[in-house]
Amino acid sequence: MHNLFFNLVICGLVSSTLQAQSSFPQIVGETTEGNSVTLPDNSGSDYTIVALAYGKKAEPLLERWYGPAYSRFIAKNGLFAATYHAELYLVPIFVGLNRSAYNGSMNRLRKEVDPEIARRVIFVKDDPRDLIRTLDMTDKDIPYFFVLDRNGKILQRVSGAFSVDRLDALEAPMLK
């Protein structure tokens, strides 16, 4: 009887921990145009893809994702891309001494990046430590991608440098 009770308590703790981790935390940020954006975005899309990076080495890896991810999920250049509606947001996170680069990065993006892509980049001023810990983003040298449903539930998590296999993995839950 004692083992049954113990197992039920452990299962309940594990289940509540998994449920807590399955929802994407709210992020409030701004675009290069100064518009406020709250993620997860439940403004009508079936899915939201949020890409986050917080290390200096992760930034160029995230930039390599811009074109292919935009092409697949927004421009709908893919075999099954027309079967779902998704939004894509790219979130560079500034931590520690890099926080001073916030305004410079936003200004550089305004000048150098296509406005359609730039409006999908969200800059967050808040301290990101809780976000990094909550999403278990342990390696600052790689970008992280989360596919969210309309309610902010995390359906898929992919991390690392761009590859077609990883791009396909992001798309997979939207094809079900």
N, C-alpha and C. Protein backbone atom coordinates (compact mmCIF):
# COMPACT_ATOMS: atom_id res chain seq x y z
N MET A 1 0.83 -1.19 0.00
CA MET A 1 0.00 0.00 0.00
C MET A 1 0.88 1.26 0.00
N HIS A 2 1.93 1.22 0.82
CA HIS A 2 2.84 2.35 0.91
C HIS A 2 3.51 2.60 -0.45
N ASN A 3 3.92 1.54 -1.16
CA ASN A 3 4.53 1.69 -2.48
C ASN A 3 3.56 2.25 -3.49
N LEU A 4 2.30 1.83 -3.44
CA LEU A 4 1.29 2.34 -4.37
C LEU A 4 1.10 3.84 -4.16
N PHE A 5 0.97 4.26 -2.89
CA PHE A 5 0.82 5.68 -2.59
C PHE A 5 2.04 6.47 -3.06
N PHE A 6 3.24 5.96 -2.76
CA PHE A 6 4.48 6.61 -3.16
C PHE A 6 4.54 6.75 -4.68
N ASN A 7 4.21 5.69 -5.41
CA ASN A 7 4.22 5.73 -6.88
C ASN A 7 3.22 6.73 -7.43
N LEU A 8 2.04 6.81 -6.82
CA LEU A 8 1.03 7.77 -7.27
C LEU A 8 1.51 9.21 -7.05
N VAL A 9 2.16 9.46 -5.91
CA VAL A 9 2.68 10.80 -5.63
C VAL A 9 3.77 11.15 -6.63
N ILE A 10 4.69 10.23 -6.89
CA ILE A 10 5.78 10.47 -7.84
C ILE A 10 5.21 10.71 -9.24
N CYS A 11 4.25 9.89 -9.66
CA CYS A 11 3.63 10.08 -10.98
C CYS A 11 2.95 11.44 -11.08
N GLY A 12 2.30 11.86 -10.01
CA GLY A 12 1.65 13.17 -10.01
C GLY A 12 2.66 14.29 -10.12
N LEU A 13 3.79 14.18 -9.40
CA LEU A 13 4.83 15.20 -9.48
C LEU A 13 5.45 15.25 -10.87
N VAL A 14 5.74 14.10 -11.44
CA VAL A 14 6.32 14.05 -12.78
C VAL A 14 5.34 14.61 -13.79
N SER A 15 4.07 14.24 -13.68
CA SER A 15 3.05 14.72 -14.62
C SER A 15 2.91 16.23 -14.54
N SER A 16 2.85 16.79 -13.30
CA SER A 16 2.70 18.24 -13.19
C SER A 16 3.94 18.96 -13.68
N THR A 17 5.13 18.38 -13.48
CA THR A 17 6.35 18.98 -14.00
C THR A 17 6.33 18.99 -15.51
N LEU A 18 5.94 17.89 -16.14
CA LEU A 18 5.88 17.84 -17.60
C LEU A 18 4.84 18.81 -18.13
N GLN A 19 3.68 18.91 -17.46
CA GLN A 19 2.66 19.84 -17.92
C GLN A 19 3.15 21.27 -17.82
N ALA A 20 3.87 21.58 -16.72
CA ALA A 20 4.38 22.95 -16.56
C ALA A 20 5.39 23.28 -17.64
N GLN A 21 6.16 22.30 -18.07
CA GLN A 21 7.17 22.53 -19.09
C GLN A 21 6.58 22.54 -20.48
N SER A 22 5.36 22.09 -20.65
CA SER A 22 4.81 22.00 -21.99
C SER A 22 4.22 23.31 -22.49
N SER A 23 4.09 24.30 -21.62
CA SER A 23 3.58 25.60 -22.04
C SER A 23 4.74 26.59 -22.18
N PHE A 24 4.71 27.34 -23.26
CA PHE A 24 5.75 28.33 -23.51
C PHE A 24 5.48 29.54 -22.62
N PRO A 25 6.51 30.04 -21.93
CA PRO A 25 6.31 31.21 -21.06
C PRO A 25 6.05 32.47 -21.88
N GLN A 26 5.32 33.39 -21.29
CA GLN A 26 5.01 34.63 -22.00
C GLN A 26 6.26 35.51 -22.13
N ILE A 27 6.46 36.04 -23.33
CA ILE A 27 7.55 36.96 -23.63
C ILE A 27 6.92 38.23 -24.18
N VAL A 28 7.33 39.37 -23.67
CA VAL A 28 6.88 40.65 -24.20
C VAL A 28 8.12 41.35 -24.74
N GLY A 29 8.03 41.76 -25.99
CA GLY A 29 9.17 42.42 -26.62
C GLY A 29 8.71 43.46 -27.62
N GLU A 30 9.67 43.95 -28.39
CA GLU A 30 9.35 44.97 -29.39
C GLU A 30 10.04 44.66 -30.70
N THR A 31 9.42 45.14 -31.77
CA THR A 31 10.00 44.99 -33.10
C THR A 31 10.92 46.18 -33.37
N THR A 32 11.60 46.14 -34.50
CA THR A 32 12.47 47.25 -34.87
C THR A 32 11.67 48.53 -35.11
N GLU A 33 10.38 48.38 -35.40
CA GLU A 33 9.52 49.55 -35.60
C GLU A 33 8.95 50.09 -34.30
N GLY A 34 9.27 49.41 -33.18
CA GLY A 34 8.78 49.86 -31.88
C GLY A 34 7.43 49.29 -31.49
N ASN A 35 6.91 48.35 -32.28
CA ASN A 35 5.62 47.73 -31.95
C ASN A 35 5.81 46.67 -30.87
N SER A 36 4.89 46.64 -29.92
CA SER A 36 4.94 45.65 -28.85
C SER A 36 4.36 44.32 -29.35
N VAL A 37 5.03 43.23 -28.99
CA VAL A 37 4.59 41.89 -29.37
C VAL A 37 4.64 41.01 -28.13
N THR A 38 3.58 40.22 -27.95
CA THR A 38 3.54 39.25 -26.86
C THR A 38 3.52 37.85 -27.46
N LEU A 39 4.42 37.02 -26.97
CA LEU A 39 4.47 35.62 -27.38
C LEU A 39 4.15 34.76 -26.18
N PRO A 40 3.45 33.64 -26.32
CA PRO A 40 3.01 33.10 -27.59
C PRO A 40 1.92 33.96 -28.21
N ASP A 41 1.90 33.94 -29.53
CA ASP A 41 0.97 34.73 -30.34
C ASP A 41 -0.22 33.86 -30.70
N ASN A 42 -1.37 34.18 -30.15
CA ASN A 42 -2.57 33.40 -30.48
C ASN A 42 -3.56 34.25 -31.26
N SER A 43 -3.04 35.07 -32.17
CA SER A 43 -3.88 36.02 -32.91
C SER A 43 -4.48 35.44 -34.18
N GLY A 44 -4.51 34.14 -34.31
CA GLY A 44 -5.16 33.57 -35.47
C GLY A 44 -4.39 32.48 -36.18
N SER A 45 -3.11 32.41 -35.98
CA SER A 45 -2.32 31.35 -36.62
C SER A 45 -2.54 30.04 -35.88
N ASP A 46 -2.49 28.96 -36.64
CA ASP A 46 -2.59 27.65 -36.02
C ASP A 46 -1.35 27.34 -35.21
N TYR A 47 -0.19 27.82 -35.67
CA TYR A 47 1.09 27.52 -35.03
C TYR A 47 1.95 28.77 -34.97
N THR A 48 2.82 28.80 -33.97
CA THR A 48 3.82 29.85 -33.85
C THR A 48 5.16 29.18 -33.64
N ILE A 49 6.14 29.60 -34.40
CA ILE A 49 7.50 29.10 -34.25
C ILE A 49 8.32 30.23 -33.64
N VAL A 50 8.94 29.94 -32.50
CA VAL A 50 9.76 30.93 -31.81
C VAL A 50 11.19 30.42 -31.79
N ALA A 51 12.10 31.22 -32.32
CA ALA A 51 13.53 30.89 -32.32
C ALA A 51 14.22 31.81 -31.33
N LEU A 52 15.01 31.23 -30.44
CA LEU A 52 15.72 32.00 -29.43
C LEU A 52 17.21 31.70 -29.46
N ALA A 53 18.02 32.73 -29.25
CA ALA A 53 19.47 32.54 -29.16
C ALA A 53 20.00 33.56 -28.17
N TYR A 54 20.95 33.13 -27.31
CA TYR A 54 21.47 34.06 -26.31
C TYR A 54 22.98 34.11 -26.20
N GLY A 55 23.70 33.42 -27.02
CA GLY A 55 25.16 33.48 -26.98
C GLY A 55 25.72 34.10 -28.24
N LYS A 56 26.91 34.63 -28.13
CA LYS A 56 27.56 35.26 -29.29
C LYS A 56 27.76 34.25 -30.43
N LYS A 57 28.11 33.01 -30.11
CA LYS A 57 28.30 31.99 -31.14
C LYS A 57 26.98 31.52 -31.74
N ALA A 58 25.89 31.68 -31.00
CA ALA A 58 24.57 31.26 -31.49
C ALA A 58 24.00 32.24 -32.51
N GLU A 59 24.41 33.50 -32.43
CA GLU A 59 23.86 34.52 -33.32
C GLU A 59 24.05 34.20 -34.79
N PRO A 60 25.28 33.87 -35.25
CA PRO A 60 25.41 33.55 -36.68
C PRO A 60 24.67 32.26 -37.06
N LEU A 61 24.55 31.33 -36.12
CA LEU A 61 23.78 30.11 -36.41
C LEU A 61 22.31 30.45 -36.61
N LEU A 62 21.79 31.35 -35.77
CA LEU A 62 20.40 31.77 -35.91
C LEU A 62 20.20 32.50 -37.23
N GLU A 63 21.15 33.33 -37.62
CA GLU A 63 21.04 34.07 -38.88
C GLU A 63 20.97 33.13 -40.08
N ARG A 64 21.64 31.98 -40.01
CA ARG A 64 21.58 31.01 -41.11
C ARG A 64 20.20 30.36 -41.22
N TRP A 65 19.43 30.40 -40.17
CA TRP A 65 18.08 29.85 -40.18
C TRP A 65 17.08 30.82 -40.83
N TYR A 66 17.34 32.13 -40.79
CA TYR A 66 16.38 33.14 -41.24
C TYR A 66 15.78 32.82 -42.60
N GLY A 67 16.62 32.72 -43.61
CA GLY A 67 16.14 32.52 -44.98
C GLY A 67 15.35 31.24 -45.16
N PRO A 68 15.91 30.08 -44.81
CA PRO A 68 15.17 28.83 -45.01
C PRO A 68 13.88 28.75 -44.20
N ALA A 69 13.90 29.23 -42.95
CA ALA A 69 12.69 29.17 -42.12
C ALA A 69 11.63 30.11 -42.68
N TYR A 70 12.03 31.31 -43.06
CA TYR A 70 11.08 32.25 -43.65
C TYR A 70 10.50 31.68 -44.94
N SER A 71 11.35 31.13 -45.78
CA SER A 71 10.91 30.57 -47.05
C SER A 71 9.89 29.44 -46.84
N ARG A 72 10.15 28.57 -45.90
CA ARG A 72 9.27 27.42 -45.66
C ARG A 72 7.97 27.82 -44.98
N PHE A 73 8.07 28.58 -43.88
CA PHE A 73 6.89 28.79 -43.04
C PHE A 73 6.08 30.03 -43.38
N ILE A 74 6.69 31.03 -43.96
CA ILE A 74 5.96 32.26 -44.26
C ILE A 74 5.70 32.40 -45.76
N ALA A 75 6.75 32.24 -46.59
CA ALA A 75 6.57 32.34 -48.04
C ALA A 75 5.92 31.08 -48.62
N LYS A 76 5.85 30.02 -47.80
CA LYS A 76 5.17 28.77 -48.17
C LYS A 76 5.83 28.04 -49.32
N ASN A 77 7.17 28.03 -49.33
CA ASN A 77 7.92 27.29 -50.35
C ASN A 77 8.31 25.93 -49.79
N GLY A 78 7.42 25.02 -49.89
CA GLY A 78 7.67 23.67 -49.41
C GLY A 78 6.54 22.78 -49.87
N LEU A 79 6.79 21.52 -49.92
CA LEU A 79 5.82 20.56 -50.44
C LEU A 79 4.48 20.64 -49.70
N PHE A 80 4.53 20.75 -48.36
CA PHE A 80 3.30 20.75 -47.57
C PHE A 80 3.01 22.08 -46.90
N ALA A 81 3.80 23.10 -47.20
CA ALA A 81 3.71 24.37 -46.50
C ALA A 81 2.34 25.04 -46.61
N ALA A 82 1.60 24.78 -47.65
CA ALA A 82 0.29 25.40 -47.81
C ALA A 82 -0.79 24.74 -46.96
N THR A 83 -0.46 23.65 -46.27
CA THR A 83 -1.47 22.92 -45.50
C THR A 83 -1.64 23.44 -44.08
N TYR A 84 -0.83 24.41 -43.65
CA TYR A 84 -0.93 24.96 -42.30
C TYR A 84 -0.63 26.45 -42.35
N HIS A 85 -1.03 27.17 -41.29
CA HIS A 85 -0.73 28.59 -41.17
C HIS A 85 0.12 28.79 -39.92
N ALA A 86 1.33 29.31 -40.10
CA ALA A 86 2.25 29.49 -38.99
C ALA A 86 2.84 30.89 -39.00
N GLU A 87 3.14 31.38 -37.81
CA GLU A 87 3.89 32.62 -37.65
C GLU A 87 5.29 32.25 -37.19
N LEU A 88 6.25 33.08 -37.53
CA LEU A 88 7.64 32.84 -37.19
C LEU A 88 8.20 34.08 -36.51
N TYR A 89 8.80 33.88 -35.34
CA TYR A 89 9.43 34.98 -34.62
C TYR A 89 10.84 34.58 -34.23
N LEU A 90 11.77 35.49 -34.39
CA LEU A 90 13.16 35.27 -34.04
C LEU A 90 13.48 36.19 -32.86
N VAL A 91 14.01 35.61 -31.79
CA VAL A 91 14.22 36.37 -30.56
C VAL A 91 15.68 36.28 -30.12
N PRO A 92 16.48 37.32 -30.42
CA PRO A 92 17.83 37.35 -29.86
C PRO A 92 17.72 37.78 -28.40
N ILE A 93 18.38 37.06 -27.51
CA ILE A 93 18.32 37.36 -26.09
C ILE A 93 19.67 37.93 -25.66
N PHE A 94 19.63 39.05 -24.98
CA PHE A 94 20.84 39.73 -24.55
C PHE A 94 21.05 39.49 -23.06
N VAL A 95 22.17 38.85 -22.73
CA VAL A 95 22.48 38.54 -21.33
C VAL A 95 23.82 39.14 -20.94
N GLY A 96 23.98 39.41 -19.67
CA GLY A 96 25.26 39.91 -19.16
C GLY A 96 25.73 41.16 -19.86
N LEU A 97 26.99 41.16 -20.24
CA LEU A 97 27.58 42.33 -20.91
C LEU A 97 26.97 42.58 -22.28
N ASN A 98 26.40 41.54 -22.90
CA ASN A 98 25.77 41.69 -24.22
C ASN A 98 24.51 42.56 -24.17
N ARG A 99 23.97 42.80 -22.97
CA ARG A 99 22.76 43.63 -22.87
C ARG A 99 23.01 45.03 -23.43
N SER A 100 24.25 45.48 -23.39
CA SER A 100 24.57 46.80 -23.93
C SER A 100 24.47 46.82 -25.46
N ALA A 101 24.44 45.66 -26.10
CA ALA A 101 24.35 45.58 -27.57
C ALA A 101 22.90 45.64 -28.06
N TYR A 102 21.95 45.70 -27.16
CA TYR A 102 20.52 45.68 -27.51
C TYR A 102 20.17 46.73 -28.57
N ASN A 103 20.42 47.99 -28.27
CA ASN A 103 20.05 49.08 -29.20
C ASN A 103 20.84 49.01 -30.50
N GLY A 104 22.13 48.71 -30.42
CA GLY A 104 22.95 48.61 -31.62
C GLY A 104 22.48 47.51 -32.54
N SER A 105 22.12 46.38 -31.96
CA SER A 105 21.61 45.26 -32.78
C SER A 105 20.30 45.61 -33.44
N MET A 106 19.43 46.29 -32.71
CA MET A 106 18.15 46.68 -33.28
C MET A 106 18.36 47.67 -34.43
N ASN A 107 19.24 48.63 -34.26
CA ASN A 107 19.51 49.61 -35.32
C ASN A 107 20.14 48.95 -36.54
N ARG A 108 21.07 48.02 -36.32
CA ARG A 108 21.71 47.31 -37.44
C ARG A 108 20.67 46.51 -38.21
N LEU A 109 19.78 45.86 -37.49
CA LEU A 109 18.74 45.06 -38.14
C LEU A 109 17.82 45.95 -38.99
N ARG A 110 17.48 47.11 -38.48
CA ARG A 110 16.63 48.05 -39.23
C ARG A 110 17.24 48.39 -40.58
N LYS A 111 18.56 48.56 -40.61
CA LYS A 111 19.25 49.01 -41.81
C LYS A 111 19.58 47.88 -42.78
N GLU A 112 19.89 46.69 -42.25
CA GLU A 112 20.47 45.64 -43.07
C GLU A 112 19.53 44.51 -43.48
N VAL A 113 18.39 44.38 -42.84
CA VAL A 113 17.54 43.22 -43.07
C VAL A 113 16.24 43.65 -43.74
N ASP A 114 15.75 42.80 -44.62
CA ASP A 114 14.47 43.02 -45.28
C ASP A 114 13.40 43.33 -44.22
N PRO A 115 12.59 44.39 -44.42
CA PRO A 115 11.58 44.78 -43.42
C PRO A 115 10.59 43.66 -43.07
N GLU A 116 10.28 42.80 -44.03
CA GLU A 116 9.35 41.70 -43.75
C GLU A 116 9.96 40.72 -42.75
N ILE A 117 11.25 40.50 -42.85
CA ILE A 117 11.92 39.63 -41.87
C ILE A 117 12.16 40.39 -40.58
N ALA A 118 12.56 41.65 -40.67
CA ALA A 118 12.86 42.45 -39.48
C ALA A 118 11.65 42.56 -38.55
N ARG A 119 10.45 42.60 -39.09
CA ARG A 119 9.26 42.72 -38.23
C ARG A 119 9.00 41.44 -37.44
N ARG A 120 9.67 40.37 -37.82
CA ARG A 120 9.52 39.10 -37.11
C ARG A 120 10.60 38.88 -36.06
N VAL A 121 11.50 39.85 -35.93
CA VAL A 121 12.53 39.78 -34.89
C VAL A 121 12.04 40.56 -33.69
N ILE A 122 12.00 39.88 -32.55
CA ILE A 122 11.47 40.47 -31.32
C ILE A 122 12.62 40.68 -30.34
N PHE A 123 12.76 41.91 -29.88
CA PHE A 123 13.79 42.25 -28.91
C PHE A 123 13.14 42.32 -27.53
N VAL A 124 13.74 41.62 -26.57
CA VAL A 124 13.21 41.54 -25.21
C VAL A 124 14.14 42.27 -24.26
N LYS A 125 13.58 43.23 -23.49
CA LYS A 125 14.39 44.01 -22.56
C LYS A 125 14.49 43.34 -21.19
N ASP A 126 13.51 42.53 -20.84
CA ASP A 126 13.48 41.92 -19.51
C ASP A 126 14.68 41.00 -19.29
N ASP A 127 14.99 40.77 -18.04
CA ASP A 127 16.07 39.85 -17.68
C ASP A 127 15.67 38.45 -18.15
N PRO A 128 16.50 37.84 -18.98
CA PRO A 128 16.12 36.57 -19.61
C PRO A 128 16.46 35.31 -18.82
N ARG A 129 17.05 35.45 -17.64
CA ARG A 129 17.50 34.25 -16.92
C ARG A 129 16.39 33.26 -16.64
N ASP A 130 15.22 33.75 -16.23
CA ASP A 130 14.10 32.83 -15.97
C ASP A 130 13.66 32.13 -17.24
N LEU A 131 13.61 32.86 -18.34
CA LEU A 131 13.23 32.29 -19.63
C LEU A 131 14.20 31.18 -20.03
N ILE A 132 15.48 31.45 -19.91
CA ILE A 132 16.51 30.48 -20.28
C ILE A 132 16.39 29.22 -19.41
N ARG A 133 16.17 29.43 -18.13
CA ARG A 133 16.04 28.29 -17.21
C ARG A 133 14.74 27.52 -17.47
N THR A 134 13.63 28.23 -17.63
CA THR A 134 12.34 27.59 -17.84
C THR A 134 12.34 26.73 -19.10
N LEU A 135 12.96 27.21 -20.16
CA LEU A 135 12.98 26.48 -21.43
C LEU A 135 14.17 25.52 -21.53
N ASP A 136 14.95 25.42 -20.47
CA ASP A 136 16.08 24.49 -20.39
C ASP A 136 17.04 24.68 -21.58
N MET A 137 17.37 25.93 -21.83
CA MET A 137 18.31 26.26 -22.90
C MET A 137 19.71 26.29 -22.30
N THR A 138 20.32 25.14 -22.18
CA THR A 138 21.56 24.99 -21.44
C THR A 138 22.82 25.38 -22.23
N ASP A 139 22.76 25.35 -23.54
CA ASP A 139 23.93 25.65 -24.36
C ASP A 139 23.75 27.01 -25.03
N LYS A 140 24.52 27.99 -24.57
CA LYS A 140 24.38 29.34 -25.12
C LYS A 140 24.93 29.48 -26.53
N ASP A 141 25.61 28.46 -27.03
CA ASP A 141 26.24 28.54 -28.34
C ASP A 141 25.37 28.05 -29.49
N ILE A 142 24.12 27.69 -29.21
CA ILE A 142 23.22 27.22 -30.27
C ILE A 142 21.86 27.90 -30.15
N PRO A 143 21.15 28.03 -31.26
CA PRO A 143 19.79 28.56 -31.21
C PRO A 143 18.80 27.44 -30.85
N TYR A 144 17.67 27.85 -30.30
CA TYR A 144 16.59 26.93 -29.91
C TYR A 144 15.31 27.34 -30.63
N PHE A 145 14.56 26.36 -31.07
CA PHE A 145 13.32 26.60 -31.80
C PHE A 145 12.18 25.84 -31.12
N PHE A 146 11.05 26.52 -30.98
CA PHE A 146 9.89 25.93 -30.35
C PHE A 146 8.69 26.10 -31.26
N VAL A 147 7.99 25.01 -31.54
CA VAL A 147 6.74 25.06 -32.29
C VAL A 147 5.62 25.03 -31.27
N LEU A 148 4.77 26.05 -31.31
CA LEU A 148 3.69 26.19 -30.35
C LEU A 148 2.35 26.06 -31.04
N ASP A 149 1.39 25.49 -30.34
CA ASP A 149 0.03 25.48 -30.89
C ASP A 149 -0.64 26.80 -30.53
N ARG A 150 -1.87 26.94 -30.90
CA ARG A 150 -2.63 28.18 -30.69
C ARG A 150 -2.72 28.58 -29.21
N ASN A 151 -2.62 27.60 -28.32
CA ASN A 151 -2.72 27.86 -26.88
C ASN A 151 -1.37 28.03 -26.20
N GLY A 152 -0.28 28.00 -26.96
CA GLY A 152 1.04 28.17 -26.39
C GLY A 152 1.68 26.88 -25.89
N LYS A 153 1.06 25.76 -26.20
CA LYS A 153 1.65 24.47 -25.81
C LYS A 153 2.81 24.16 -26.74
N ILE A 154 3.93 23.71 -26.17
CA ILE A 154 5.10 23.37 -26.97
C ILE A 154 4.87 22.01 -27.61
N LEU A 155 4.83 21.99 -28.94
CA LEU A 155 4.62 20.76 -29.70
C LEU A 155 5.94 20.13 -30.14
N GLN A 156 6.94 20.97 -30.36
CA GLN A 156 8.23 20.48 -30.85
C GLN A 156 9.32 21.43 -30.39
N ARG A 157 10.47 20.86 -30.13
CA ARG A 157 11.66 21.63 -29.75
C ARG A 157 12.82 21.11 -30.59
N VAL A 158 13.52 22.04 -31.25
CA VAL A 158 14.66 21.70 -32.09
C VAL A 158 15.76 22.70 -31.73
N SER A 159 17.00 22.24 -31.72
CA SER A 159 18.09 23.16 -31.42
C SER A 159 19.30 22.83 -32.28
N GLY A 160 20.15 23.83 -32.46
CA GLY A 160 21.39 23.63 -33.19
C GLY A 160 21.47 24.40 -34.48
N ALA A 161 22.53 24.13 -35.21
CA ALA A 161 22.78 24.78 -36.50
C ALA A 161 21.73 24.34 -37.52
N PHE A 162 21.53 25.17 -38.54
CA PHE A 162 20.55 24.84 -39.56
C PHE A 162 20.91 23.56 -40.29
N SER A 163 19.89 22.76 -40.54
CA SER A 163 19.97 21.62 -41.46
C SER A 163 18.55 21.39 -41.97
N VAL A 164 18.44 20.80 -43.12
CA VAL A 164 17.13 20.50 -43.69
C VAL A 164 16.38 19.53 -42.77
N ASP A 165 17.09 18.58 -42.18
CA ASP A 165 16.44 17.65 -41.25
C ASP A 165 15.83 18.37 -40.06
N ARG A 166 16.52 19.36 -39.53
CA ARG A 166 15.98 20.12 -38.39
C ARG A 166 14.80 20.99 -38.83
N LEU A 167 14.88 21.54 -40.02
CA LEU A 167 13.76 22.31 -40.55
C LEU A 167 12.55 21.41 -40.73
N ASP A 168 12.75 20.22 -41.25
CA ASP A 168 11.67 19.24 -41.40
C ASP A 168 11.09 18.85 -40.04
N ALA A 169 11.95 18.74 -39.03
CA ALA A 169 11.49 18.39 -37.68
C ALA A 169 10.60 19.49 -37.11
N LEU A 170 10.90 20.75 -37.43
CA LEU A 170 10.02 21.85 -37.00
C LEU A 170 8.66 21.75 -37.66
N GLU A 171 8.65 21.35 -38.90
CA GLU A 171 7.40 21.29 -39.66
C GLU A 171 6.54 20.08 -39.27
N ALA A 172 7.17 19.03 -38.80
CA ALA A 172 6.48 17.75 -38.56
C ALA A 172 5.20 17.86 -37.73
N PRO A 173 5.18 18.56 -36.59
CA PRO A 173 3.92 18.60 -35.81
C PRO A 173 2.80 19.36 -36.51
N MET A 174 3.14 20.20 -37.48
CA MET A 174 2.12 20.96 -38.20
C MET A 174 1.47 20.13 -39.30
N LEU A 175 2.05 18.98 -39.60
CA LEU A 175 1.53 18.13 -40.65
C LEU A 175 0.61 17.03 -40.14
N LYS A 176 0.44 16.97 -38.83
CA LYS A 176 -0.39 15.91 -38.24
C LYS A 176 -1.85 16.22 -38.32
